[in-house]
N, C-alpha and C. Protein backbone atom coordinates (compact mmCIF):
# COMPACT_ATOMS: atom_id res chain seq x y z
N UNK A 1 25.94 7.50 17.77
CA UNK A 1 25.31 8.56 17.09
C UNK A 1 24.04 8.68 17.06
N UNK A 2 23.45 9.49 17.44
CA UNK A 2 22.05 9.26 17.46
C UNK A 2 21.34 10.08 15.94
N UNK A 3 20.33 9.49 15.57
CA UNK A 3 19.63 9.89 14.14
C UNK A 3 18.61 10.85 14.55
N UNK A 4 18.56 11.95 14.16
CA UNK A 4 17.39 12.79 14.18
C UNK A 4 16.30 12.55 13.84
N UNK A 5 16.07 11.70 12.41
CA UNK A 5 14.99 11.09 12.03
C UNK A 5 13.99 10.11 13.09
N UNK A 6 14.82 9.65 14.04
CA UNK A 6 14.45 8.73 14.92
C UNK A 6 13.70 9.29 16.09
N UNK A 7 13.91 10.54 16.25
CA UNK A 7 13.35 11.33 17.13
C UNK A 7 11.65 11.32 16.87
N UNK A 8 11.37 11.46 15.51
CA UNK A 8 10.13 11.16 15.27
C UNK A 8 9.18 9.66 15.89
N UNK A 9 8.41 9.57 16.75
CA UNK A 9 7.85 8.69 17.57
C UNK A 9 6.85 8.11 16.44
N UNK A 10 6.04 8.95 15.99
CA UNK A 10 4.72 8.67 15.17
C UNK A 10 5.40 8.42 13.68
N UNK A 11 5.13 7.19 13.39
CA UNK A 11 5.40 6.73 11.97
C UNK A 11 4.46 6.78 10.93
N UNK A 12 3.32 7.48 11.52
CA UNK A 12 2.17 7.57 10.40
C UNK A 12 2.51 8.72 9.28
N UNK A 13 3.25 9.75 9.89
CA UNK A 13 3.59 10.51 8.42
C UNK A 13 4.29 9.89 7.54
N UNK A 14 5.55 9.05 7.98
CA UNK A 14 6.32 8.48 7.17
C UNK A 14 5.69 7.42 6.39
N UNK A 15 4.88 6.59 7.00
CA UNK A 15 3.87 5.43 6.26
C UNK A 15 3.06 6.30 5.26
N UNK A 16 2.31 7.46 5.41
CA UNK A 16 1.38 7.77 4.44
C UNK A 16 2.43 8.46 3.16
N UNK A 17 3.83 9.16 3.54
CA UNK A 17 4.35 9.56 2.26
C UNK A 17 4.61 8.31 1.50
N UNK A 18 5.04 7.11 2.13
CA UNK A 18 5.43 5.98 1.41
C UNK A 18 4.16 5.62 0.65
N UNK A 19 3.08 5.57 1.08
CA UNK A 19 1.82 5.20 0.40
C UNK A 19 1.79 5.84 -0.90
N UNK A 20 2.10 7.00 -1.08
CA UNK A 20 2.10 8.01 -2.11
C UNK A 20 3.22 7.72 -3.23
N UNK A 21 4.25 7.50 -2.61
CA UNK A 21 5.64 7.36 -3.45
C UNK A 21 5.87 5.98 -3.71
N UNK A 22 5.48 4.82 -2.92
CA UNK A 22 6.12 3.50 -3.35
C UNK A 22 5.41 2.85 -4.27
N UNK A 23 5.95 1.61 -4.56
CA UNK A 23 5.61 0.92 -5.93
C UNK A 23 6.46 1.35 -6.93
N UNK A 24 6.32 0.41 -8.01
CA UNK A 24 7.27 0.63 -9.35
C UNK A 24 7.11 2.06 -9.90
N UNK A 25 5.87 2.48 -10.02
CA UNK A 25 5.39 3.50 -11.06
C UNK A 25 5.18 4.80 -10.31
N UNK A 26 4.50 4.86 -9.50
CA UNK A 26 4.12 6.07 -8.74
C UNK A 26 4.99 7.49 -8.75
N UNK A 27 6.14 7.01 -8.45
CA UNK A 27 7.22 8.13 -8.35
C UNK A 27 7.78 8.67 -9.52
N UNK A 28 7.90 7.33 -10.60
CA UNK A 28 8.37 7.69 -12.06
C UNK A 28 7.12 8.48 -12.60
N UNK A 29 5.82 8.36 -12.28
CA UNK A 29 4.81 9.21 -12.91
C UNK A 29 4.79 10.65 -12.42
N UNK A 30 5.21 10.77 -10.79
CA UNK A 30 5.14 12.05 -10.34
C UNK A 30 6.71 12.70 -10.83
N UNK A 31 7.65 12.04 -11.14
CA UNK A 31 8.68 12.56 -11.82
C UNK A 31 8.90 13.32 -13.37
N UNK A 32 7.84 12.56 -14.02
CA UNK A 32 7.67 12.88 -15.09
C UNK A 32 6.65 14.37 -15.39
N UNK A 33 5.62 14.29 -14.45
CA UNK A 33 5.06 15.36 -14.43
C UNK A 33 6.01 16.63 -13.75
N UNK A 34 6.70 16.41 -12.63
CA UNK A 34 7.55 17.42 -12.51
C UNK A 34 8.33 17.93 -13.39
N UNK A 35 8.82 17.03 -13.96
CA UNK A 35 9.92 17.61 -15.41
C UNK A 35 9.13 18.22 -16.40
N UNK A 36 7.91 17.55 -16.95
CA UNK A 36 7.06 18.00 -18.07
C UNK A 36 5.94 18.94 -17.84
N UNK A 37 5.78 19.11 -16.49
CA UNK A 37 4.41 19.64 -16.36
C UNK A 37 3.17 18.99 -16.68
N UNK A 38 2.16 20.12 -17.34
CA UNK A 38 0.97 19.41 -17.90
C UNK A 38 0.96 18.47 -19.16
N UNK A 39 0.89 17.43 -19.12
CA UNK A 39 0.95 16.28 -20.25
C UNK A 39 -0.22 15.44 -20.42
N UNK A 40 -0.38 15.23 -22.03
CA UNK A 40 -1.48 14.46 -22.30
C UNK A 40 -0.97 12.82 -22.02
N UNK A 41 -1.88 11.94 -21.90
CA UNK A 41 -1.76 10.45 -21.38
C UNK A 41 -0.81 9.69 -22.28
N UNK A 42 -0.61 10.00 -23.43
CA UNK A 42 0.32 9.20 -24.53
C UNK A 42 1.88 9.69 -24.16
N UNK A 43 1.98 11.01 -23.99
CA UNK A 43 3.16 11.46 -23.67
C UNK A 43 3.78 10.99 -22.25
N UNK A 44 2.58 11.01 -21.65
CA UNK A 44 2.91 10.45 -20.05
C UNK A 44 3.56 8.80 -20.27
N UNK A 45 2.68 8.26 -21.15
CA UNK A 45 3.18 7.17 -21.26
C UNK A 45 4.68 6.70 -22.12
N UNK A 46 4.49 7.37 -22.93
CA UNK A 46 6.04 7.44 -23.87
C UNK A 46 7.10 7.78 -22.92
N UNK A 47 6.98 8.71 -21.95
CA UNK A 47 8.03 8.85 -20.98
C UNK A 47 8.33 8.01 -19.89
N UNK A 48 7.31 6.92 -19.62
CA UNK A 48 7.65 5.79 -18.48
C UNK A 48 8.03 4.50 -19.02
N UNK A 49 9.20 4.34 -19.39
CA UNK A 49 9.54 2.97 -20.09
C UNK A 49 9.26 1.74 -19.40
N UNK A 50 8.12 0.90 -20.27
CA UNK A 50 7.85 -0.44 -19.40
C UNK A 50 6.68 -0.48 -18.99
N UNK A 51 5.81 0.59 -18.65
CA UNK A 51 4.78 0.63 -18.24
C UNK A 51 3.46 0.35 -19.01
N UNK A 52 2.39 -0.40 -18.61
CA UNK A 52 1.64 -0.93 -19.66
C UNK A 52 0.25 0.26 -19.15
N UNK A 53 -0.43 0.01 -20.39
CA UNK A 53 -1.67 0.94 -20.56
C UNK A 53 -2.43 0.84 -19.32
N UNK A 54 -2.57 -0.18 -19.07
CA UNK A 54 -3.44 -0.94 -17.42
C UNK A 54 -2.85 -0.29 -16.39
N UNK A 55 -1.69 -0.59 -16.07
CA UNK A 55 -1.04 -0.07 -14.98
C UNK A 55 -0.80 1.47 -14.69
N UNK A 56 -0.81 2.06 -16.36
CA UNK A 56 -0.52 3.51 -15.97
C UNK A 56 -1.98 4.19 -15.58
N UNK A 57 -2.79 3.67 -16.34
CA UNK A 57 -4.40 4.21 -15.79
C UNK A 57 -4.80 3.86 -14.50
N UNK A 58 -4.21 2.76 -13.95
CA UNK A 58 -4.60 2.46 -12.71
C UNK A 58 -3.93 3.29 -11.73
N UNK A 59 -2.78 3.53 -11.98
CA UNK A 59 -1.89 4.56 -10.90
C UNK A 59 -2.14 5.70 -11.17
N UNK A 60 -2.63 6.55 -12.07
CA UNK A 60 -3.13 7.57 -12.37
C UNK A 60 -4.51 7.93 -11.70
N UNK A 61 -5.07 6.89 -11.46
CA UNK A 61 -6.56 6.95 -11.01
C UNK A 61 -6.19 7.27 -9.60
N UNK A 62 -5.30 6.23 -8.88
CA UNK A 62 -5.07 6.21 -7.63
C UNK A 62 -4.51 7.31 -6.85
N UNK A 63 -3.47 8.20 -7.94
CA UNK A 63 -2.81 9.47 -7.62
C UNK A 63 -3.70 10.48 -7.46
N UNK A 64 -4.80 10.35 -8.64
CA UNK A 64 -6.04 11.57 -8.53
C UNK A 64 -6.73 11.28 -7.41
N UNK A 65 -6.95 10.21 -6.76
CA UNK A 65 -7.77 9.75 -5.42
C UNK A 65 -6.99 10.47 -4.20
N UNK A 66 -5.80 10.42 -4.23
CA UNK A 66 -4.83 11.01 -3.22
C UNK A 66 -4.54 12.32 -3.50
N UNK A 67 -5.32 12.98 -4.48
CA UNK A 67 -5.30 14.47 -4.64
C UNK A 67 -3.58 14.67 -4.87
N UNK A 68 -2.90 14.23 -5.78
CA UNK A 68 -1.44 14.17 -6.25
C UNK A 68 -1.41 14.73 -7.59
N UNK A 69 -2.28 14.16 -8.35
CA UNK A 69 -2.74 14.38 -9.86
C UNK A 69 -3.93 14.91 -10.35
N UNK A 70 -4.01 15.82 -11.09
CA UNK A 70 -5.09 16.39 -11.57
C UNK A 70 -5.29 15.94 -12.89
N UNK A 71 -6.52 15.66 -13.29
CA UNK A 71 -6.97 14.88 -14.53
C UNK A 71 -7.74 15.98 -14.71
N UNK A 72 -7.69 16.44 -16.39
CA UNK A 72 -8.55 17.42 -16.96
C UNK A 72 -9.03 16.76 -18.24
N UNK A 73 -10.22 16.60 -18.31
CA UNK A 73 -10.66 16.19 -19.49
C UNK A 73 -11.45 17.25 -20.38
N UNK A 74 -11.18 17.41 -21.61
CA UNK A 74 -11.82 18.09 -22.30
C UNK A 74 -12.97 17.61 -23.57
N UNK A 75 -14.01 18.27 -23.25
CA UNK A 75 -15.36 17.72 -24.19
C UNK A 75 -15.11 17.73 -25.63
N UNK A 76 -14.45 17.28 -26.25
CA UNK A 76 -14.31 17.20 -27.87
C UNK A 76 -13.93 15.76 -28.39
N UNK A 77 -13.91 15.61 -29.53
CA UNK A 77 -13.92 14.50 -30.30
C UNK A 77 -12.67 14.63 -31.03
N UNK A 78 -11.48 13.75 -30.99
CA UNK A 78 -11.30 12.67 -30.26
C UNK A 78 -11.24 13.45 -28.58
N UNK A 79 -11.62 12.56 -27.68
CA UNK A 79 -11.29 12.97 -26.11
C UNK A 79 -9.93 13.37 -25.92
N UNK A 80 -9.57 14.54 -25.27
CA UNK A 80 -8.44 15.00 -24.96
C UNK A 80 -8.26 15.10 -23.29
N UNK A 81 -7.40 14.49 -22.88
CA UNK A 81 -7.18 14.33 -21.34
C UNK A 81 -5.78 14.93 -20.97
N UNK A 82 -5.65 15.75 -20.09
CA UNK A 82 -4.14 16.27 -19.31
C UNK A 82 -4.08 15.92 -18.25
N UNK A 83 -2.92 15.57 -17.71
CA UNK A 83 -2.48 15.39 -16.32
C UNK A 83 -1.45 16.29 -16.03
N UNK A 84 -1.92 16.73 -14.82
CA UNK A 84 -0.82 17.65 -14.02
C UNK A 84 -0.73 17.28 -12.62
N UNK A 85 0.24 18.02 -11.80
CA UNK A 85 0.48 18.02 -10.40
C UNK A 85 -0.63 18.87 -9.78
N UNK A 86 -1.24 18.44 -8.78
CA UNK A 86 -2.14 19.32 -7.77
C UNK A 86 -0.73 20.01 -6.98
N UNK A 87 -1.75 21.03 -6.20
CA UNK A 87 -0.86 21.71 -5.44
C UNK A 87 0.03 20.94 -4.27
N UNK A 88 -1.04 19.87 -3.95
CA UNK A 88 -0.30 18.88 -3.06
C UNK A 88 0.61 18.01 -3.70
N UNK A 89 0.54 17.63 -5.09
CA UNK A 89 1.75 17.02 -5.75
C UNK A 89 3.10 17.80 -5.83
N UNK A 90 2.60 19.09 -5.97
CA UNK A 90 3.93 20.33 -6.42
C UNK A 90 4.83 20.00 -4.93
N UNK A 91 3.86 19.68 -4.02
CA UNK A 91 4.76 19.82 -2.86
C UNK A 91 5.61 18.61 -2.33
N UNK A 92 5.51 17.63 -3.47
CA UNK A 92 6.53 16.86 -3.40
C UNK A 92 7.72 17.10 -4.12
N UNK A 93 8.00 18.03 -4.80
CA UNK A 93 9.20 18.48 -5.68
C UNK A 93 10.35 18.62 -4.99
N UNK A 94 10.32 18.98 -3.92
CA UNK A 94 11.73 19.12 -2.98
C UNK A 94 12.20 17.75 -2.97
N UNK A 95 11.23 16.76 -2.42
CA UNK A 95 11.38 15.33 -2.26
C UNK A 95 11.96 14.96 -3.70
N UNK A 96 11.24 14.92 -4.63
CA UNK A 96 12.14 14.44 -5.93
C UNK A 96 13.22 14.96 -6.33
N UNK A 97 13.38 16.46 -5.83
CA UNK A 97 14.86 16.88 -6.15
C UNK A 97 15.75 16.43 -5.31
N UNK A 98 15.45 15.87 -4.11
CA UNK A 98 16.61 15.49 -3.22
C UNK A 98 16.88 14.00 -3.51
N UNK A 99 15.73 13.26 -4.14
CA UNK A 99 16.52 11.79 -4.72
C UNK A 99 17.02 11.68 -6.07
N UNK A 100 16.85 12.89 -6.80
CA UNK A 100 17.98 13.42 -7.68
C UNK A 100 19.30 13.70 -7.53
N UNK A 101 19.20 14.35 -6.65
CA UNK A 101 20.45 15.06 -6.06
C UNK A 101 21.39 13.99 -5.52
N UNK A 102 20.66 13.05 -4.76
CA UNK A 102 21.33 12.02 -4.20
C UNK A 102 21.80 10.90 -5.22
N UNK A 103 21.21 10.69 -6.21
CA UNK A 103 21.30 9.97 -7.35
C UNK A 103 22.67 10.31 -7.90
N UNK A 104 22.68 11.75 -8.25
CA UNK A 104 23.86 12.56 -8.82
C UNK A 104 25.02 12.12 -8.05
N UNK A 105 25.03 12.35 -6.85
CA UNK A 105 25.98 12.60 -5.77
C UNK A 105 26.60 11.02 -5.81
N UNK A 106 25.84 10.02 -5.88
CA UNK A 106 26.23 8.87 -5.87
C UNK A 106 26.69 7.88 -6.99
N UNK A 107 26.11 8.19 -8.15
CA UNK A 107 26.13 7.76 -9.32
C UNK A 107 27.66 7.80 -9.89
N UNK A 108 28.06 8.69 -9.35
CA UNK A 108 29.92 9.28 -9.71
C UNK A 108 30.62 7.91 -9.31
N UNK A 109 30.28 7.48 -8.08
CA UNK A 109 31.07 6.39 -7.47
C UNK A 109 30.67 4.97 -8.17
N UNK A 110 29.60 4.81 -8.83
CA UNK A 110 29.17 3.67 -9.65
C UNK A 110 29.86 3.38 -10.93
N UNK A 111 30.08 4.93 -11.83
CA UNK A 111 30.67 4.92 -13.08
C UNK A 111 32.12 4.92 -12.79
């Protein structure tokens, strides 16, 4: 049986996508932003169990550099910062949905 994914000879697109969603936290951050939309830093942290302040800050900076996340800072005291998905980040929504669908389908067999 031939797998149509193997038809792609150039692994670069696959590797690029993995560089964005791989790791313990990136996909979780993206998932929360997909589900909640624009959120402040503390809300984001509360919705990602086990992530440290340092790790969340680091991952958000990386996702911002890759143009997946938008950081909006408001000039006020105390400082207010909000995070949301960029257009490029929003294009990951079908991927996140597919992962959720796969989990729902196969979670039944585990329970």
